[in-house]
Amino acid sequence: MPKLILEGLTYLLWIALGAGMAFMTFSMLAKSIENLDPNSKNVKKTVGFIAVSRFLRLFVTAALLFGAVLWNVWYAVTFIVALTLATWILAVWHHKQSAKSEVKLVTESKVEENV
């Protein structure tokens, strides 16, 4: 395989790893927070689980970043850019989804008040 193709595929690998880490981290955090019930007796366990899982994902991200730096510094930059862009895209998407559901809930409550 020519060197240029192999290098291009490696960049794509680091882009996929960065986007995958962002998606995994964001989706797991969103799911954990949605399941969080402040009135539950087990809220301390749930918050502890969220903190530990965030730390483990941070450790995995640091290990991937370290591997990218050892391989080539530009792969690490590519990984960080992909991770950052994917996180921002997911945050905006999640915000829009939650805004739609809030509007739907407000509309439903107004309909119930009128009935």
PDB file of N, CA and C in Angstrom:
ATOM      1  N   MET A   1       0.837  -1.173   0.000  1.00  0.00           N
ATOM      2  CA  MET A   1       0.000   0.000   0.000  1.00  0.00           C
ATOM      3  C   MET A   1       0.888   1.244   0.000  1.00  0.00           C
ATOM      4  N   PRO A   2       0.584   2.208  -0.851  1.00  0.00           N
ATOM      5  CA  PRO A   2       1.397   3.426  -0.871  1.00  0.00           C
ATOM      6  C   PRO A   2       1.338   4.161   0.467  1.00  0.00           C
ATOM      7  N   LYS A   3       2.434   4.836   0.762  1.00  0.00           N
ATOM      8  CA  LYS A   3       2.558   5.529   2.049  1.00  0.00           C
ATOM      9  C   LYS A   3       1.499   6.607   2.223  1.00  0.00           C
ATOM     10  N   LEU A   4       1.170   7.323   1.172  1.00  0.00           N
ATOM     11  CA  LEU A   4       0.189   8.405   1.251  1.00  0.00           C
ATOM     12  C   LEU A   4      -1.202   7.874   1.603  1.00  0.00           C
ATOM     13  N   ILE A   5      -1.590   6.754   1.011  1.00  0.00           N
ATOM     14  CA  ILE A   5      -2.892   6.155   1.317  1.00  0.00           C
ATOM     15  C   ILE A   5      -2.927   5.672   2.763  1.00  0.00           C
ATOM     16  N   LEU A   6      -1.854   5.038   3.196  1.00  0.00           N
ATOM     17  CA  LEU A   6      -1.785   4.561   4.571  1.00  0.00           C
ATOM     18  C   LEU A   6      -1.854   5.718   5.568  1.00  0.00           C
ATOM     19  N   GLU A   7      -1.185   6.803   5.258  1.00  0.00           N
ATOM     20  CA  GLU A   7      -1.218   7.971   6.139  1.00  0.00           C
ATOM     21  C   GLU A   7      -2.614   8.587   6.166  1.00  0.00           C
ATOM     22  N   GLY A   8      -3.271   8.652   5.021  1.00  0.00           N
ATOM     23  CA  GLY A   8      -4.645   9.170   4.963  1.00  0.00           C
ATOM     24  C   GLY A   8      -5.609   8.303   5.752  1.00  0.00           C
ATOM     25  N   LEU A   9      -5.457   7.000   5.664  1.00  0.00           N
ATOM     26  CA  LEU A   9      -6.303   6.083   6.438  1.00  0.00           C
ATOM     27  C   LEU A   9      -6.046   6.216   7.940  1.00  0.00           C
ATOM     28  N   THR A  10      -4.799   6.488   8.295  1.00  0.00           N
ATOM     29  CA  THR A  10      -4.473   6.676   9.708  1.00  0.00           C
ATOM     30  C   THR A  10      -5.122   7.947  10.243  1.00  0.00           C
ATOM     31  N   TYR A  11      -5.114   9.011   9.449  1.00  0.00           N
ATOM     32  CA  TYR A  11      -5.813  10.230   9.857  1.00  0.00           C
ATOM     33  C   TYR A  11      -7.311   9.955  10.034  1.00  0.00           C
ATOM     34  N   LEU A  12      -7.895   9.197   9.106  1.00  0.00           N
ATOM     35  CA  LEU A  12      -9.309   8.838   9.234  1.00  0.00           C
ATOM     36  C   LEU A  12      -9.564   8.008  10.490  1.00  0.00           C
ATOM     37  N   LEU A  13      -8.621   7.144  10.845  1.00  0.00           N
ATOM     38  CA  LEU A  13      -8.748   6.359  12.062  1.00  0.00           C
ATOM     39  C   LEU A  13      -8.803   7.262  13.283  1.00  0.00           C
ATOM     40  N   TRP A  14      -7.930   8.261  13.360  1.00  0.00           N
ATOM     41  CA  TRP A  14      -7.905   9.152  14.511  1.00  0.00           C
ATOM     42  C   TRP A  14      -9.123  10.066  14.539  1.00  0.00           C
ATOM     43  N   ILE A  15      -9.644  10.419  13.378  1.00  0.00           N
ATOM     44  CA  ILE A  15     -10.895  11.188  13.331  1.00  0.00           C
ATOM     45  C   ILE A  15     -12.040  10.334  13.866  1.00  0.00           C
ATOM     46  N   ALA A  16     -12.097   9.080  13.439  1.00  0.00           N
ATOM     47  CA  ALA A  16     -13.148   8.176  13.915  1.00  0.00           C
ATOM     48  C   ALA A  16     -13.018   7.918  15.414  1.00  0.00           C
ATOM     49  N   LEU A  17     -11.799   7.756  15.901  1.00  0.00           N
ATOM     50  CA  LEU A  17     -11.604   7.555  17.339  1.00  0.00           C
ATOM     51  C   LEU A  17     -12.022   8.783  18.142  1.00  0.00           C
ATOM     52  N   GLY A  18     -11.685   9.961  17.664  1.00  0.00           N
ATOM     53  CA  GLY A  18     -12.078  11.189  18.352  1.00  0.00           C
ATOM     54  C   GLY A  18     -13.588  11.371  18.375  1.00  0.00           C
ATOM     55  N   ALA A  19     -14.225  11.176  17.235  1.00  0.00           N
ATOM     56  CA  ALA A  19     -15.682  11.304  17.171  1.00  0.00           C
ATOM     57  C   ALA A  19     -16.357  10.214  17.994  1.00  0.00           C
ATOM     58  N   GLY A  20     -15.810   9.021  17.967  1.00  0.00           N
ATOM     59  CA  GLY A  20     -16.368   7.921  18.753  1.00  0.00           C
ATOM     60  C   GLY A  20     -16.271   8.170  20.251  1.00  0.00           C
ATOM     61  N   MET A  21     -15.140   8.698  20.692  1.00  0.00           N
ATOM     62  CA  MET A  21     -14.985   9.021  22.118  1.00  0.00           C
ATOM     63  C   MET A  21     -15.968  10.119  22.523  1.00  0.00           C
ATOM     64  N   ALA A  22     -16.147  11.109  21.672  1.00  0.00           N
ATOM     65  CA  ALA A  22     -17.093  12.185  21.981  1.00  0.00           C
ATOM     66  C   ALA A  22     -18.513  11.636  22.069  1.00  0.00           C
ATOM     67  N   PHE A  23     -18.892  10.814  21.110  1.00  0.00           N
ATOM     68  CA  PHE A  23     -20.233  10.242  21.108  1.00  0.00           C
ATOM     69  C   PHE A  23     -20.449   9.355  22.331  1.00  0.00           C
ATOM     70  N   MET A  24     -19.485   8.505  22.637  1.00  0.00           N
ATOM     71  CA  MET A  24     -19.611   7.614  23.788  1.00  0.00           C
ATOM     72  C   MET A  24     -19.713   8.423  25.079  1.00  0.00           C
ATOM     73  N   THR A  25     -18.832   9.385  25.256  1.00  0.00           N
ATOM     74  CA  THR A  25     -18.828  10.181  26.475  1.00  0.00           C
ATOM     75  C   THR A  25     -20.119  10.973  26.620  1.00  0.00           C
ATOM     76  N   PHE A  26     -20.535  11.630  25.558  1.00  0.00           N
ATOM     77  CA  PHE A  26     -21.716  12.483  25.632  1.00  0.00           C
ATOM     78  C   PHE A  26     -22.980  11.664  25.841  1.00  0.00           C
ATOM     79  N   SER A  27     -23.112  10.559  25.120  1.00  0.00           N
ATOM     80  CA  SER A  27     -24.336   9.769  25.253  1.00  0.00           C
ATOM     81  C   SER A  27     -24.425   9.111  26.623  1.00  0.00           C
ATOM     82  N   MET A  28     -23.299   8.620  27.149  1.00  0.00           N
ATOM     83  CA  MET A  28     -23.327   7.997  28.472  1.00  0.00           C
ATOM     84  C   MET A  28     -23.628   9.031  29.555  1.00  0.00           C
ATOM     85  N   LEU A  29     -23.065  10.213  29.439  1.00  0.00           N
ATOM     86  CA  LEU A  29     -23.328  11.262  30.417  1.00  0.00           C
ATOM     87  C   LEU A  29     -24.783  11.725  30.353  1.00  0.00           C
ATOM     88  N   ALA A  30     -25.304  11.921  29.157  1.00  0.00           N
ATOM     89  CA  ALA A  30     -26.694  12.354  29.004  1.00  0.00           C
ATOM     90  C   ALA A  30     -27.653  11.309  29.564  1.00  0.00           C
ATOM     91  N   LYS A  31     -27.371  10.040  29.289  1.00  0.00           N
ATOM     92  CA  LYS A  31     -28.230   8.966  29.801  1.00  0.00           C
ATOM     93  C   LYS A  31     -28.171   8.901  31.323  1.00  0.00           C
ATOM     94  N   SER A  32     -26.991   9.045  31.894  1.00  0.00           N
ATOM     95  CA  SER A  32     -26.845   9.003  33.351  1.00  0.00           C
ATOM     96  C   SER A  32     -27.571  10.163  34.018  1.00  0.00           C
ATOM     97  N   ILE A  33     -27.490  11.335  33.427  1.00  0.00           N
ATOM     98  CA  ILE A  33     -28.136  12.504  34.018  1.00  0.00           C
ATOM     99  C   ILE A  33     -29.654  12.421  33.870  1.00  0.00           C
ATOM    100  N   GLU A  34     -30.127  11.888  32.736  1.00  0.00           N
ATOM    101  CA  GLU A  34     -31.573  11.732  32.561  1.00  0.00           C
ATOM    102  C   GLU A  34     -32.150  10.752  33.582  1.00  0.00           C
ATOM    103  N   ASN A  35     -31.392   9.728  33.942  1.00  0.00           N
ATOM    104  CA  ASN A  35     -31.859   8.739  34.908  1.00  0.00           C
ATOM    105  C   ASN A  35     -31.679   9.188  36.347  1.00  0.00           C
ATOM    106  N   LEU A  36     -31.036  10.319  36.565  1.00  0.00           N
ATOM    107  CA  LEU A  36     -30.777  10.812  37.908  1.00  0.00           C
ATOM    108  C   LEU A  36     -32.061  11.366  38.518  1.00  0.00           C
ATOM    109  N   ASP A  37     -32.436  10.846  39.672  1.00  0.00           N
ATOM    110  CA  ASP A  37     -33.620  11.300  40.397  1.00  0.00           C
ATOM    111  C   ASP A  37     -33.165  11.934  41.698  1.00  0.00           C
ATOM    112  N   PRO A  38     -33.310  13.249  41.850  1.00  0.00           N
ATOM    113  CA  PRO A  38     -32.813  13.918  43.057  1.00  0.00           C
ATOM    114  C   PRO A  38     -33.549  13.502  44.332  1.00  0.00           C
ATOM    115  N   ASN A  39     -34.739  12.935  44.193  1.00  0.00           N
ATOM    116  CA  ASN A  39     -35.515  12.529  45.357  1.00  0.00           C
ATOM    117  C   ASN A  39     -35.224  11.096  45.795  1.00  0.00           C
ATOM    118  N   SER A  40     -34.394  10.407  45.053  1.00  0.00           N
ATOM    119  CA  SER A  40     -34.079   9.019  45.363  1.00  0.00           C
ATOM    120  C   SER A  40     -33.101   8.926  46.534  1.00  0.00           C
ATOM    121  N   LYS A  41     -33.178   7.824  47.248  1.00  0.00           N
ATOM    122  CA  LYS A  41     -32.244   7.595  48.353  1.00  0.00           C
ATOM    123  C   LYS A  41     -30.861   7.211  47.835  1.00  0.00           C
ATOM    124  N   ASN A  42     -30.792   6.723  46.623  1.00  0.00           N
ATOM    125  CA  ASN A  42     -29.528   6.268  46.042  1.00  0.00           C
ATOM    126  C   ASN A  42     -28.856   7.337  45.192  1.00  0.00           C
ATOM    127  N   VAL A  43     -29.187   8.597  45.422  1.00  0.00           N
ATOM    128  CA  VAL A  43     -28.644   9.664  44.575  1.00  0.00           C
ATOM    129  C   VAL A  43     -27.128   9.775  44.744  1.00  0.00           C
ATOM    130  N   LYS A  44     -26.603   9.513  45.936  1.00  0.00           N
ATOM    131  CA  LYS A  44     -25.154   9.589  46.143  1.00  0.00           C
ATOM    132  C   LYS A  44     -24.440   8.498  45.362  1.00  0.00           C
ATOM    133  N   LYS A  45     -25.014   7.312  45.310  1.00  0.00           N
ATOM    134  CA  LYS A  45     -24.416   6.223  44.524  1.00  0.00           C
ATOM    135  C   LYS A  45     -24.420   6.576  43.037  1.00  0.00           C
ATOM    136  N   THR A  46     -25.519   7.156  42.588  1.00  0.00           N
ATOM    137  CA  THR A  46     -25.633   7.503  41.179  1.00  0.00           C
ATOM    138  C   THR A  46     -24.629   8.581  40.802  1.00  0.00           C
ATOM    139  N   VAL A  47     -24.498   9.591  41.631  1.00  0.00           N
ATOM    140  CA  VAL A  47     -23.526  10.656  41.356  1.00  0.00           C
ATOM    141  C   VAL A  47     -22.102  10.100  41.422  1.00  0.00           C
ATOM    142  N   GLY A  48     -21.845   9.213  42.363  1.00  0.00           N
ATOM    143  CA  GLY A  48     -20.532   8.563  42.445  1.00  0.00           C
ATOM    144  C   GLY A  48     -20.234   7.751  41.201  1.00  0.00           C
ATOM    145  N   PHE A  49     -21.244   7.024  40.706  1.00  0.00           N
ATOM    146  CA  PHE A  49     -21.069   6.252  39.476  1.00  0.00           C
ATOM    147  C   PHE A  49     -20.765   7.164  38.300  1.00  0.00           C
ATOM    148  N   ILE A  50     -21.476   8.296  38.214  1.00  0.00           N
ATOM    149  CA  ILE A  50     -21.229   9.249  37.125  1.00  0.00           C
ATOM    150  C   ILE A  50     -19.795   9.774  37.204  1.00  0.00           C
ATOM    151  N   ALA A  51     -19.346  10.110  38.415  1.00  0.00           N
ATOM    152  CA  ALA A  51     -17.984  10.644  38.577  1.00  0.00           C
ATOM    153  C   ALA A  51     -16.930   9.611  38.206  1.00  0.00           C
ATOM    154  N   VAL A  52     -17.109   8.374  38.660  1.00  0.00           N
ATOM    155  CA  VAL A  52     -16.138   7.320  38.355  1.00  0.00           C
ATOM    156  C   VAL A  52     -16.127   7.011  36.861  1.00  0.00           C
ATOM    157  N   SER A  53     -17.297   6.947  36.246  1.00  0.00           N
ATOM    158  CA  SER A  53     -17.333   6.647  34.812  1.00  0.00           C
ATOM    159  C   SER A  53     -16.723   7.787  33.994  1.00  0.00           C
ATOM    160  N   ARG A  54     -16.929   9.027  34.418  1.00  0.00           N
ATOM    161  CA  ARG A  54     -16.293  10.158  33.730  1.00  0.00           C
ATOM    162  C   ARG A  54     -14.771  10.077  33.849  1.00  0.00           C
ATOM    163  N   PHE A  55     -14.292   9.704  35.031  1.00  0.00           N
ATOM    164  CA  PHE A  55     -12.846   9.572  35.233  1.00  0.00           C
ATOM    165  C   PHE A  55     -12.275   8.465  34.341  1.00  0.00           C
ATOM    166  N   LEU A  56     -12.972   7.343  34.252  1.00  0.00           N
ATOM    167  CA  LEU A  56     -12.484   6.247  33.404  1.00  0.00           C
ATOM    168  C   LEU A  56     -12.467   6.646  31.929  1.00  0.00           C
ATOM    169  N   ARG A  57     -13.503   7.340  31.481  1.00  0.00           N
ATOM    170  CA  ARG A  57     -13.508   7.794  30.091  1.00  0.00           C
ATOM    171  C   ARG A  57     -12.408   8.821  29.841  1.00  0.00           C
ATOM    172  N   LEU A  58     -12.147   9.673  30.819  1.00  0.00           N
ATOM    173  CA  LEU A  58     -11.038  10.621  30.702  1.00  0.00           C
ATOM    174  C   LEU A  58      -9.710   9.881  30.603  1.00  0.00           C
ATOM    175  N   PHE A  59      -9.555   8.818  31.385  1.00  0.00           N
ATOM    176  CA  PHE A  59      -8.337   8.013  31.341  1.00  0.00           C
ATOM    177  C   PHE A  59      -8.164   7.351  29.972  1.00  0.00           C
ATOM    178  N   VAL A  60      -9.252   6.830  29.410  1.00  0.00           N
ATOM    179  CA  VAL A  60      -9.183   6.214  28.076  1.00  0.00           C
ATOM    180  C   VAL A  60      -8.822   7.262  27.024  1.00  0.00           C
ATOM    181  N   THR A  61      -9.418   8.449  27.131  1.00  0.00           N
ATOM    182  CA  THR A  61      -9.098   9.526  26.197  1.00  0.00           C
ATOM    183  C   THR A  61      -7.630   9.925  26.311  1.00  0.00           C
ATOM    184  N   ALA A  62      -7.126  10.004  27.543  1.00  0.00           N
ATOM    185  CA  ALA A  62      -5.712  10.352  27.747  1.00  0.00           C
ATOM    186  C   ALA A  62      -4.803   9.270  27.173  1.00  0.00           C
ATOM    187  N   ALA A  63      -5.179   8.009  27.331  1.00  0.00           N
ATOM    188  CA  ALA A  63      -4.371   6.918  26.777  1.00  0.00           C
ATOM    189  C   ALA A  63      -4.351   6.974  25.249  1.00  0.00           C
ATOM    190  N   LEU A  64      -5.506   7.250  24.641  1.00  0.00           N
ATOM    191  CA  LEU A  64      -5.544   7.393  23.183  1.00  0.00           C
ATOM    192  C   LEU A  64      -4.715   8.590  22.722  1.00  0.00           C
ATOM    193  N   LEU A  65      -4.804   9.674  23.445  1.00  0.00           N
ATOM    194  CA  LEU A  65      -4.020  10.862  23.100  1.00  0.00           C
ATOM    195  C   LEU A  65      -2.524  10.590  23.229  1.00  0.00           C
ATOM    196  N   PHE A  66      -2.149   9.876  24.280  1.00  0.00           N
ATOM    197  CA  PHE A  66      -0.746   9.522  24.460  1.00  0.00           C
ATOM    198  C   PHE A  66      -0.254   8.635  23.310  1.00  0.00           C
ATOM    199  N   GLY A  67      -1.081   7.676  22.923  1.00  0.00           N
ATOM    200  CA  GLY A  67      -0.723   6.822  21.789  1.00  0.00           C
ATOM    201  C   GLY A  67      -0.590   7.612  20.500  1.00  0.00           C
ATOM    202  N   ALA A  68      -1.481   8.585  20.315  1.00  0.00           N
ATOM    203  CA  ALA A  68      -1.413   9.408  19.111  1.00  0.00           C
ATOM    204  C   ALA A  68      -0.147  10.253  19.095  1.00  0.00           C
ATOM    205  N   VAL A  69       0.234  10.794  20.257  1.00  0.00           N
ATOM    206  CA  VAL A  69       1.454  11.607  20.332  1.00  0.00           C
ATOM    207  C   VAL A  69       2.679  10.748  20.045  1.00  0.00           C
ATOM    208  N   LEU A  70       2.692   9.532  20.565  1.00  0.00           N
ATOM    209  CA  LEU A  70       3.825   8.645  20.294  1.00  0.00           C
ATOM    210  C   LEU A  70       3.917   8.298  18.812  1.00  0.00           C
ATOM    211  N   TRP A  71       2.786   8.150  18.173  1.00  0.00           N
ATOM    212  CA  TRP A  71       2.758   7.763  16.774  1.00  0.00           C
ATOM    213  C   TRP A  71       3.174   8.942  15.901  1.00  0.00           C
ATOM    214  N   ASN A  72       2.471  10.073  16.063  1.00  0.00           N
ATOM    215  CA  ASN A  72       2.756  11.279  15.296  1.00  0.00           C
ATOM    216  C   ASN A  72       1.974  12.411  15.948  1.00  0.00           C
ATOM    217  N   VAL A  73       2.605  13.539  16.160  1.00  0.00           N
ATOM    218  CA  VAL A  73       1.947  14.657  16.847  1.00  0.00           C
ATOM    219  C   VAL A  73       0.724  15.132  16.073  1.00  0.00           C
ATOM    220  N   TRP A  74       0.778  15.081  14.769  1.00  0.00           N
ATOM    221  CA  TRP A  74      -0.358  15.540  13.969  1.00  0.00           C
ATOM    222  C   TRP A  74      -1.563  14.624  14.120  1.00  0.00           C
ATOM    223  N   TYR A  75      -1.351  13.365  14.427  1.00  0.00           N
ATOM    224  CA  TYR A  75      -2.473  12.463  14.717  1.00  0.00           C
ATOM    225  C   TYR A  75      -3.149  12.884  16.013  1.00  0.00           C
ATOM    226  N   ALA A  76      -2.356  13.325  16.988  1.00  0.00           N
ATOM    227  CA  ALA A  76      -2.925  13.788  18.252  1.00  0.00           C
ATOM    228  C   ALA A  76      -3.746  15.059  18.025  1.00  0.00           C
ATOM    229  N   VAL A  77      -3.248  15.957  17.205  1.00  0.00           N
ATOM    230  CA  VAL A  77      -3.988  17.185  16.897  1.00  0.00           C
ATOM    231  C   VAL A  77      -5.293  16.827  16.183  1.00  0.00           C
ATOM    232  N   THR A  78      -5.226  15.906  15.254  1.00  0.00           N
ATOM    233  CA  THR A  78      -6.425  15.456  14.538  1.00  0.00           C
ATOM    234  C   THR A  78      -7.435  14.847  15.502  1.00  0.00           C
ATOM    235  N   PHE A  79      -6.953  14.028  16.431  1.00  0.00           N
ATOM    236  CA  PHE A  79      -7.814  13.405  17.438  1.00  0.00           C
ATOM    237  C   PHE A  79      -8.506  14.466  18.290  1.00  0.00           C
ATOM    238  N   ILE A  80      -7.768  15.460  18.748  1.00  0.00           N
ATOM    239  CA  ILE A  80      -8.335  16.504  19.608  1.00  0.00           C
ATOM    240  C   ILE A  80      -9.347  17.349  18.840  1.00  0.00           C
ATOM    241  N   VAL A  81      -9.034  17.695  17.604  1.00  0.00           N
ATOM    242  CA  VAL A  81      -9.966  18.493  16.801  1.00  0.00           C
ATOM    243  C   VAL A  81     -11.251  17.711  16.546  1.00  0.00           C
ATOM    244  N   ALA A  82     -11.129  16.432  16.201  1.00  0.00           N
ATOM    245  CA  ALA A  82     -12.314  15.608  15.962  1.00  0.00           C
ATOM    246  C   ALA A  82     -13.130  15.452  17.238  1.00  0.00           C
ATOM    247  N   LEU A  83     -12.473  15.241  18.355  1.00  0.00           N
ATOM    248  CA  LEU A  83     -13.154  15.103  19.647  1.00  0.00           C
ATOM    249  C   LEU A  83     -13.901  16.386  20.001  1.00  0.00           C
ATOM    250  N   THR A  84     -13.251  17.521  19.815  1.00  0.00           N
ATOM    251  CA  THR A  84     -13.857  18.808  20.155  1.00  0.00           C
ATOM    252  C   THR A  84     -15.036  19.123  19.243  1.00  0.00           C
ATOM    253  N   LEU A  85     -14.854  18.970  17.947  1.00  0.00           N
ATOM    254  CA  LEU A  85     -15.936  19.265  17.012  1.00  0.00           C
ATOM    255  C   LEU A  85     -17.138  18.353  17.235  1.00  0.00           C
ATOM    256  N   ALA A  86     -16.879  17.076  17.441  1.00  0.00           N
ATOM    257  CA  ALA A  86     -17.981  16.136  17.672  1.00  0.00           C
ATOM    258  C   ALA A  86     -18.711  16.464  18.968  1.00  0.00           C
ATOM    259  N   THR A  87     -17.980  16.856  20.000  1.00  0.00           N
ATOM    260  CA  THR A  87     -18.619  17.218  21.268  1.00  0.00           C
ATOM    261  C   THR A  87     -19.506  18.439  21.094  1.00  0.00           C
ATOM    262  N   TRP A  88     -19.017  19.444  20.383  1.00  0.00           N
ATOM    263  CA  TRP A  88     -19.819  20.646  20.154  1.00  0.00           C
ATOM    264  C   TRP A  88     -21.056  20.335  19.317  1.00  0.00           C
ATOM    265  N   ILE A  89     -20.903  19.528  18.296  1.00  0.00           N
ATOM    266  CA  ILE A  89     -22.053  19.154  17.457  1.00  0.00           C
ATOM    267  C   ILE A  89     -23.087  18.401  18.287  1.00  0.00           C
ATOM    268  N   LEU A  90     -22.635  17.475  19.118  1.00  0.00           N
ATOM    269  CA  LEU A  90     -23.560  16.722  19.970  1.00  0.00           C
ATOM    270  C   LEU A  90     -24.232  17.625  21.003  1.00  0.00           C
ATOM    271  N   ALA A  91     -23.508  18.590  21.542  1.00  0.00           N
ATOM    272  CA  ALA A  91     -24.093  19.502  22.528  1.00  0.00           C
ATOM    273  C   ALA A  91     -25.186  20.365  21.889  1.00  0.00           C
ATOM    274  N   VAL A  92     -24.931  20.882  20.704  1.00  0.00           N
ATOM    275  CA  VAL A  92     -25.935  21.688  20.010  1.00  0.00           C
ATOM    276  C   VAL A  92     -27.141  20.827  19.657  1.00  0.00           C
ATOM    277  N   TRP A  93     -26.908  19.627  19.154  1.00  0.00           N
ATOM    278  CA  TRP A  93     -27.997  18.724  18.803  1.00  0.00           C
ATOM    279  C   TRP A  93     -28.839  18.377  20.033  1.00  0.00           C
ATOM    280  N   HIS A  94     -28.179  18.063  21.139  1.00  0.00           N
ATOM    281  CA  HIS A  94     -28.895  17.715  22.363  1.00  0.00           C
ATOM    282  C   HIS A  94     -29.701  18.910  22.869  1.00  0.00           C
ATOM    283  N   HIS A  95     -29.134  20.109  22.785  1.00  0.00           N
ATOM    284  CA  HIS A  95     -29.842  21.314  23.210  1.00  0.00           C
ATOM    285  C   HIS A  95     -31.104  21.521  22.373  1.00  0.00           C
ATOM    286  N   LYS A  96     -30.998  21.340  21.066  1.00  0.00           N
ATOM    287  CA  LYS A  96     -32.164  21.503  20.196  1.00  0.00           C
ATOM    288  C   LYS A  96     -33.225  20.455  20.500  1.00  0.00           C
ATOM    289  N   GLN A  97     -32.786  19.212  20.765  1.00  0.00           N
ATOM    290  CA  GLN A  97     -33.737  18.150  21.099  1.00  0.00           C
ATOM    291  C   GLN A  97     -34.455  18.448  22.404  1.00  0.00           C
ATOM    292  N   SER A  98     -33.735  18.918  23.402  1.00  0.00           N
ATOM    293  CA  SER A  98     -34.365  19.220  24.695  1.00  0.00           C
ATOM    294  C   SER A  98     -35.289  20.432  24.577  1.00  0.00           C
ATOM    295  N   ALA A  99     -34.942  21.400  23.737  1.00  0.00           N
ATOM    296  CA  ALA A  99     -35.805  22.555  23.534  1.00  0.00           C
ATOM    297  C   ALA A  99     -37.114  22.127  22.867  1.00  0.00           C
ATOM    298  N   LYS A 100     -37.046  21.196  21.916  1.00  0.00           N
ATOM    299  CA  LYS A 100     -38.255  20.692  21.271  1.00  0.00           C
ATOM    300  C   LYS A 100     -39.148  19.971  22.269  1.00  0.00           C
ATOM    301  N   SER A 101     -38.541  19.158  23.136  1.00  0.00           N
ATOM    302  CA  SER A 101     -39.346  18.431  24.113  1.00  0.00           C
ATOM    303  C   SER A 101     -39.942  19.372  25.153  1.00  0.00           C
ATOM    304  N   GLU A 102     -39.241  20.448  25.519  1.00  0.00           N
ATOM    305  CA  GLU A 102     -39.786  21.432  26.456  1.00  0.00           C
ATOM    306  C   GLU A 102     -40.971  22.167  25.836  1.00  0.00           C
ATOM    307  N   VAL A 103     -40.864  22.523  24.568  1.00  0.00           N
ATOM    308  CA  VAL A 103     -41.966  23.197  23.890  1.00  0.00           C
ATOM    309  C   VAL A 103     -43.166  22.270  23.835  1.00  0.00           C
ATOM    310  N   LYS A 104     -42.924  21.007  23.571  1.00  0.00           N
ATOM    311  CA  LYS A 104     -44.005  20.026  23.504  1.00  0.00           C
ATOM    312  C   LYS A 104     -44.676  19.892  24.871  1.00  0.00           C
ATOM    313  N   LEU A 105     -43.891  19.855  25.958  1.00  0.00           N
ATOM    314  CA  LEU A 105     -44.448  19.741  27.299  1.00  0.00           C
ATOM    315  C   LEU A 105     -45.245  20.984  27.670  1.00  0.00           C
ATOM    316  N   VAL A 106     -44.758  22.156  27.317  1.00  0.00           N
ATOM    317  CA  VAL A 106     -45.463  23.401  27.607  1.00  0.00           C
ATOM    318  C   VAL A 106     -46.766  23.449  26.839  1.00  0.00           C
ATOM    319  N   THR A 107     -46.751  23.056  25.588  1.00  0.00           N
ATOM    320  CA  THR A 107     -47.946  23.048  24.770  1.00  0.00           C
ATOM    321  C   THR A 107     -48.982  22.085  25.339  1.00  0.00           C
ATOM    322  N   GLU A 108     -48.547  20.890  25.758  1.00  0.00           N
ATOM    323  CA  GLU A 108     -49.458  19.912  26.337  1.00  0.00           C
ATOM    324  C   GLU A 108     -50.059  20.424  27.636  1.00  0.00           C
ATOM    325  N   SER A 109     -49.281  21.111  28.460  1.00  0.00           N
ATOM    326  CA  SER A 109     -49.795  21.623  29.728  1.00  0.00           C
ATOM    327  C   SER A 109     -50.811  22.743  29.486  1.00  0.00           C
ATOM    328  N   LYS A 110     -50.612  23.565  28.455  1.00  0.00           N
ATOM    329  CA  LYS A 110     -51.581  24.618  28.130  1.00  0.00           C
ATOM    330  C   LYS A 110     -52.878  24.012  27.631  1.00  0.00           C
ATOM    331  N   VAL A 111     -52.793  22.931  26.869  1.00  0.00           N
ATOM    332  CA  VAL A 111     -53.998  22.263  26.370  1.00  0.00           C
ATOM    333  C   VAL A 111     -54.765  21.676  27.560  1.00  0.00           C
ATOM    334  N   GLU A 112     -54.072  21.093  28.517  1.00  0.00           N
ATOM    335  CA  GLU A 112     -54.729  20.532  29.693  1.00  0.00           C
ATOM    336  C   GLU A 112     -55.373  21.612  30.537  1.00  0.00           C
ATOM    337  N   GLU A 113     -54.775  22.804  30.618  1.00  0.00           N
ATOM    338  CA  GLU A 113     -55.352  23.906  31.383  1.00  0.00           C
ATOM    339  C   GLU A 113     -56.642  24.404  30.747  1.00  0.00           C
ATOM    340  N   ASN A 114     -56.697  24.389  29.437  1.00  0.00           N
ATOM    341  CA  ASN A 114     -57.881  24.877  28.722  1.00  0.00           C
ATOM    342  C   ASN A 114     -59.032  23.893  28.768  1.00  0.00           C
ATOM    343  N   VAL A 115     -58.763  22.638  29.035  1.00  0.00           N
ATOM    344  CA  VAL A 115     -59.825  21.623  29.026  1.00  0.00           C
ATOM    345  C   VAL A 115     -60.602  21.633  30.283  1.00  0.00           C
TER     346      VAL A 115
END
